[in-house]
Amino acid sequence: MYWKIMSIVAILGISALVQYVLLQKETDEPAGTSSTTPFASSTIPDVHITDSSGGGYIVTPEPLPNDSARPKAPDVNALIADIVPKNDYEKLVFSNLTKARDALRDDPKSYNDWLTVGTSLKQLEEYKGASDAWFYVAALWPDQPVPHGNLGSLYHLYLKDFPKSEAEYNKAIALDPTQSAWHRGLYELYVYSYKTKTNLWEEALKAGISQSGSIDLRVVLAERYEKAGRFTDAVALYDDALAVAEAYPNTEAIINQIIGLRAAARANIK
């Protein structure tokens, strides 16, 4: 069942990534997004303008606070001073990091490059530095959900500060509820790590389905219902997911997989 779910998520993620690559070419400043399709990637994001994990963000210019109102920028040189790449992957990430640092010398207000600094530091397991960079982005561009979503993931999976993860995911959702990644991240926080004896995981997925229209969130919730023995509820969600998928072109592979998942759930109804 897990691999079937992941196959659906992978198909959805590929379509989101193609859209993302096209959008990336348009401009180089931050902004919010609008979503007209339910096929948003459900991967917990380091959602970022130059990060291949996706996100599908289109960016437009946004004014910055005046110099006196801005927080002090993190010292990138200090953040990277002790980093020694140990393999080819880390060398590539470190190269991206130093390129972003150099770009910030020319344009200290580059949204993309500050996000790259945070993402690269996270990939190099420099989690405190990553949080510093993303908090700086969040302070300079308070209307942007991306740094909050990144922080939600960082605090859940790496820094293990679950209340902060919850707060950051909720900030991201409040700023852009149409992105399924934030809802998926909050769900995973609740189901695996925090407030696990509550039904907040279910509320997070239901809110995500309502606000993002995501097919994969429907499938995830259906799977959870199956694990709980709620097979009738699971079948109803698979039916709903099929209805959404059938409204879009080129979704035959997704439809066929959901049909298979629904059949397995139906077989367990007594």
Protein backbone atom coordinates (compact mmCIF):
# COMPACT_ATOMS: atom_id res chain seq x y z
CA MET A 1 0.00 0.00 0.00
CA TYR A 2 2.81 2.42 0.93
CA TRP A 3 4.51 2.09 -2.45
CA LYS A 4 1.22 2.52 -4.30
CA ILE A 5 0.64 5.75 -2.40
CA MET A 6 4.18 6.92 -3.13
CA SER A 7 3.70 6.18 -6.85
CA ILE A 8 0.72 8.50 -6.94
CA VAL A 9 2.62 11.18 -5.03
CA ALA A 10 5.56 10.82 -7.45
CA ILE A 11 3.30 11.32 -10.47
CA LEU A 12 1.75 14.38 -8.87
CA GLY A 13 5.15 15.71 -7.88
CA ILE A 14 6.49 15.43 -11.45
CA SER A 15 3.64 17.51 -12.84
CA ALA A 16 4.17 20.13 -10.12
CA LEU A 17 7.91 20.21 -10.85
CA VAL A 18 7.33 20.78 -14.59
CA GLN A 19 5.04 23.69 -13.77
CA TYR A 20 7.61 24.98 -11.28
CA VAL A 21 10.49 24.97 -13.78
CA LEU A 22 8.42 26.98 -16.25
CA LEU A 23 7.40 29.49 -13.60
CA GLN A 24 10.94 29.85 -12.29
CA LYS A 25 12.03 31.67 -15.46
CA GLU A 26 9.68 34.59 -15.01
CA THR A 27 11.28 36.76 -12.32
CA ASP A 28 13.46 36.79 -9.22
CA GLU A 29 11.55 38.38 -6.31
CA PRO A 30 9.12 36.85 -3.81
CA ALA A 31 5.37 36.63 -3.87
CA GLY A 32 2.43 34.41 -3.11
CA THR A 33 0.79 31.97 -5.47
CA SER A 34 -2.56 30.90 -6.68
CA SER A 35 -3.44 27.31 -7.49
CA THR A 36 -5.87 26.23 -10.16
CA THR A 37 -5.06 22.51 -10.10
CA PRO A 38 -5.31 19.89 -7.37
CA PHE A 39 -2.05 18.24 -8.39
CA ALA A 40 0.27 20.06 -5.99
CA SER A 41 3.25 18.10 -4.72
CA SER A 42 2.76 16.72 -1.23
CA THR A 43 6.45 16.39 -0.47
CA ILE A 44 7.43 18.13 2.75
CA PRO A 45 9.18 21.07 1.25
CA ASP A 46 12.31 22.97 1.34
CA VAL A 47 10.13 24.93 -1.07
CA HIS A 48 12.48 27.33 -2.68
CA ILE A 49 12.89 29.15 -5.96
CA THR A 50 15.97 27.16 -7.05
CA ASP A 51 15.37 23.98 -5.09
CA SER A 52 14.37 20.91 -7.11
CA SER A 53 11.99 19.78 -4.37
CA GLY A 54 9.39 21.97 -6.06
CA GLY A 55 6.67 24.22 -4.80
CA GLY A 56 5.43 25.85 -7.99
CA TYR A 57 5.83 29.41 -6.79
CA ILE A 58 5.52 32.32 -9.20
CA VAL A 59 7.31 35.38 -7.94
CA THR A 60 6.56 39.08 -8.33
CA PRO A 61 8.17 42.17 -6.80
CA GLU A 62 7.32 43.07 -3.23
CA PRO A 63 8.49 46.13 -1.28
CA LEU A 64 10.93 45.69 1.58
CA PRO A 65 10.81 47.54 4.89
CA ASN A 66 13.02 50.61 5.09
CA ASP A 67 16.58 50.14 6.29
CA SER A 68 15.89 51.23 9.86
CA ALA A 69 13.03 48.73 10.23
CA ARG A 70 14.89 45.70 8.91
CA PRO A 71 16.31 43.06 11.22
CA LYS A 72 20.04 42.48 11.11
CA ALA A 73 21.02 40.04 8.39
CA PRO A 74 22.74 36.80 9.41
CA ASP A 75 26.48 36.77 8.78
CA VAL A 76 26.72 34.18 6.03
CA ASN A 77 30.51 34.06 6.21
CA ALA A 78 30.28 33.17 9.88
CA LEU A 79 27.61 30.56 9.19
CA ILE A 80 29.75 28.73 6.65
CA ALA A 81 33.20 29.30 8.16
CA ASP A 82 33.51 25.84 9.71
CA ILE A 83 31.90 23.84 6.90
CA VAL A 84 34.22 21.35 5.18
CA PRO A 85 32.43 19.39 2.43
CA LYS A 86 33.13 15.67 2.78
CA ASN A 87 31.83 14.24 -0.50
CA ASP A 88 30.69 15.22 -3.99
CA TYR A 89 27.15 15.94 -2.86
CA GLU A 90 28.29 18.26 -0.09
CA LYS A 91 30.74 19.94 -2.46
CA LEU A 92 27.88 20.69 -4.86
CA VAL A 93 25.67 22.03 -2.08
CA PHE A 94 28.53 24.11 -0.71
CA SER A 95 29.15 25.53 -4.18
CA ASN A 96 25.50 26.62 -4.37
CA LEU A 97 25.83 28.13 -0.91
CA THR A 98 28.92 30.17 -1.75
CA LYS A 99 27.36 31.36 -5.00
CA ALA A 100 24.34 32.60 -3.05
CA ARG A 101 26.62 34.30 -0.53
CA ASP A 102 28.51 36.05 -3.33
CA ALA A 103 25.24 37.12 -4.97
CA LEU A 104 24.08 38.62 -1.68
CA ARG A 105 27.14 40.85 -1.62
CA ASP A 106 25.83 42.45 -4.82
CA ASP A 107 22.16 42.34 -3.83
CA PRO A 108 21.59 41.90 -0.08
CA LYS A 109 17.83 41.93 -0.71
CA SER A 110 17.70 38.87 -2.98
CA TYR A 111 14.87 36.66 -1.77
CA ASN A 112 16.02 33.68 -3.83
CA ASP A 113 19.57 33.80 -2.57
CA TRP A 114 18.55 34.02 1.08
CA LEU A 115 16.34 30.98 0.58
CA THR A 116 19.24 29.19 -1.10
CA VAL A 117 21.45 29.96 1.89
CA GLY A 118 18.88 28.40 4.22
CA THR A 119 18.28 25.35 2.07
CA SER A 120 21.98 24.71 1.49
CA LEU A 121 22.75 24.99 5.19
CA LYS A 122 19.96 22.54 5.97
CA GLN A 123 21.30 20.10 3.38
CA LEU A 124 24.72 20.38 5.03
CA GLU A 125 23.11 19.66 8.42
CA GLU A 126 23.77 23.17 9.68
CA TYR A 127 20.27 23.47 11.07
CA LYS A 128 20.72 26.51 13.29
CA GLY A 129 22.16 28.48 10.38
CA ALA A 130 19.30 27.35 8.15
CA SER A 131 16.74 28.57 10.67
CA ASP A 132 18.56 31.91 10.98
CA ALA A 133 18.43 32.44 7.21
CA TRP A 134 14.78 31.47 6.90
CA PHE A 135 13.70 33.57 9.87
CA TYR A 136 15.44 36.51 8.22
CA VAL A 137 13.50 35.88 5.00
CA ALA A 138 10.26 35.63 6.99
CA ALA A 139 11.01 38.94 8.71
CA LEU A 140 11.81 40.78 5.49
CA TRP A 141 8.94 39.31 3.48
CA PRO A 142 6.18 38.71 6.04
CA ASP A 143 3.56 37.87 3.42
CA GLN A 144 5.51 34.89 2.09
CA PRO A 145 4.59 31.35 3.21
CA VAL A 146 7.71 29.61 1.88
CA PRO A 147 10.12 30.35 4.77
CA HIS A 148 7.47 29.35 7.30
CA GLY A 149 6.85 26.06 5.50
CA ASN A 150 10.59 25.42 5.42
CA LEU A 151 10.84 26.16 9.13
CA GLY A 152 7.91 23.87 9.87
CA SER A 153 9.76 21.00 8.22
CA LEU A 154 13.07 21.91 9.84
CA TYR A 155 11.64 22.06 13.35
CA HIS A 156 9.76 18.79 12.92
CA LEU A 157 12.26 16.55 11.20
CA TYR A 158 15.61 17.94 12.31
CA LEU A 159 15.45 20.23 15.33
CA LYS A 160 12.63 18.23 16.96
CA ASP A 161 10.91 21.30 18.36
CA PHE A 162 7.35 20.24 17.68
CA PRO A 163 5.46 23.28 19.03
CA LYS A 164 7.57 25.55 16.82
CA SER A 165 6.96 23.25 13.85
CA GLU A 166 3.22 23.46 14.42
CA ALA A 167 3.37 27.25 14.68
CA GLU A 168 5.40 27.64 11.48
CA TYR A 169 3.19 25.30 9.46
CA ASN A 170 0.12 27.18 10.64
CA LYS A 171 1.72 30.47 9.57
CA ALA A 172 2.44 29.05 6.12
CA ILE A 173 -1.12 27.77 5.80
CA ALA A 174 -2.58 31.09 6.91
CA LEU A 175 -0.55 32.87 4.23
CA ASP A 176 -1.33 30.38 1.45
CA PRO A 177 -3.84 27.63 2.27
CA THR A 178 -3.89 26.37 -1.34
CA GLN A 179 -0.51 24.62 -1.07
CA SER A 180 -1.00 21.00 -0.05
CA ALA A 181 2.60 20.67 1.18
CA TRP A 182 1.94 22.75 4.29
CA HIS A 183 -1.13 20.69 5.20
CA ARG A 184 0.75 17.44 4.56
CA GLY A 185 3.60 18.59 6.78
CA LEU A 186 1.23 19.51 9.60
CA TYR A 187 -0.56 16.16 9.26
CA GLU A 188 2.73 14.26 9.50
CA LEU A 189 3.69 16.26 12.58
CA TYR A 190 0.45 15.28 14.30
CA VAL A 191 0.32 11.66 13.23
CA TYR A 192 3.94 10.77 13.99
CA SER A 193 5.37 13.20 16.54
CA TYR A 194 3.13 15.69 18.32
CA LYS A 195 -0.32 15.57 19.87
CA THR A 196 -0.56 12.06 18.47
CA LYS A 197 -3.44 11.04 20.74
CA THR A 198 -5.71 13.68 19.22
CA ASN A 199 -7.57 13.77 15.93
CA LEU A 200 -5.65 16.84 14.76
CA TRP A 201 -4.03 14.77 12.01
CA GLU A 202 -7.47 14.17 10.53
CA GLU A 203 -8.46 17.82 10.86
CA ALA A 204 -5.23 18.87 9.14
CA LEU A 205 -5.89 16.62 6.15
CA LYS A 206 -9.55 17.58 5.87
CA ALA A 207 -8.64 21.27 5.93
CA GLY A 208 -5.97 20.65 3.32
CA ILE A 209 -8.40 18.83 1.05
CA SER A 210 -10.96 21.61 1.39
CA GLN A 211 -8.50 24.44 0.84
CA SER A 212 -6.12 22.96 -1.75
CA GLY A 213 -8.31 20.50 -3.65
CA SER A 214 -5.40 18.05 -3.52
CA ILE A 215 -5.88 14.51 -4.78
CA ASP A 216 -2.92 13.12 -2.89
CA LEU A 217 -4.20 14.45 0.43
CA ARG A 218 -7.41 12.53 -0.23
CA VAL A 219 -5.38 9.39 -0.85
CA VAL A 220 -3.32 9.91 2.30
CA LEU A 221 -6.44 10.34 4.41
CA ALA A 222 -8.03 7.27 2.82
CA GLU A 223 -4.95 5.23 3.71
CA ARG A 224 -5.12 6.43 7.32
CA TYR A 225 -8.77 5.43 7.45
CA GLU A 226 -7.85 1.96 6.20
CA LYS A 227 -5.22 1.60 8.94
CA ALA A 228 -7.91 2.54 11.46
CA GLY A 229 -10.32 -0.03 10.01
CA ARG A 230 -12.58 2.68 8.58
CA PHE A 231 -12.85 1.04 5.18
CA THR A 232 -16.19 2.59 4.22
CA ASP A 233 -14.78 6.07 4.83
CA ALA A 234 -11.69 5.14 2.84
CA VAL A 235 -13.76 4.02 -0.15
CA ALA A 236 -15.74 7.27 -0.06
CA LEU A 237 -12.50 9.25 -0.20
CA TYR A 238 -11.16 7.18 -3.07
CA ASP A 239 -14.45 7.87 -4.90
CA ASP A 240 -13.95 11.57 -4.26
CA ALA A 241 -10.34 11.43 -5.46
CA LEU A 242 -11.45 9.69 -8.66
CA ALA A 243 -14.07 12.33 -9.34
CA VAL A 244 -11.44 15.06 -9.06
CA ALA A 245 -8.88 13.19 -11.16
CA GLU A 246 -11.38 12.49 -13.91
CA ALA A 247 -12.02 16.23 -14.30
CA TYR A 248 -8.45 16.76 -15.53
CA PRO A 249 -6.72 15.54 -18.70
CA ASN A 250 -3.85 13.05 -18.78
CA THR A 251 -4.64 11.50 -15.43
CA GLU A 252 -5.24 7.93 -16.60
CA ALA A 253 -2.34 6.49 -14.61
CA ILE A 254 -3.50 8.22 -11.44
CA ILE A 255 -7.08 7.09 -12.01
CA ASN A 256 -6.03 3.47 -12.50
CA GLN A 257 -4.00 3.44 -9.31
CA ILE A 258 -6.80 4.98 -7.28
CA ILE A 259 -9.20 2.39 -8.68
CA GLY A 260 -6.84 -0.32 -7.45
CA LEU A 261 -6.60 1.23 -4.00
CA ARG A 262 -10.36 1.57 -3.80
CA ALA A 263 -10.84 -2.08 -4.75
CA ALA A 264 -8.49 -3.17 -1.97
CA ALA A 265 -10.39 -1.06 0.55
CA ARG A 266 -13.74 -2.41 -0.64
CA ALA A 267 -12.51 -5.96 -0.19
CA ASN A 268 -12.12 -5.31 3.52
CA ILE A 269 -15.67 -4.08 4.08
CA LYS A 270 -17.57 -6.77 5.94
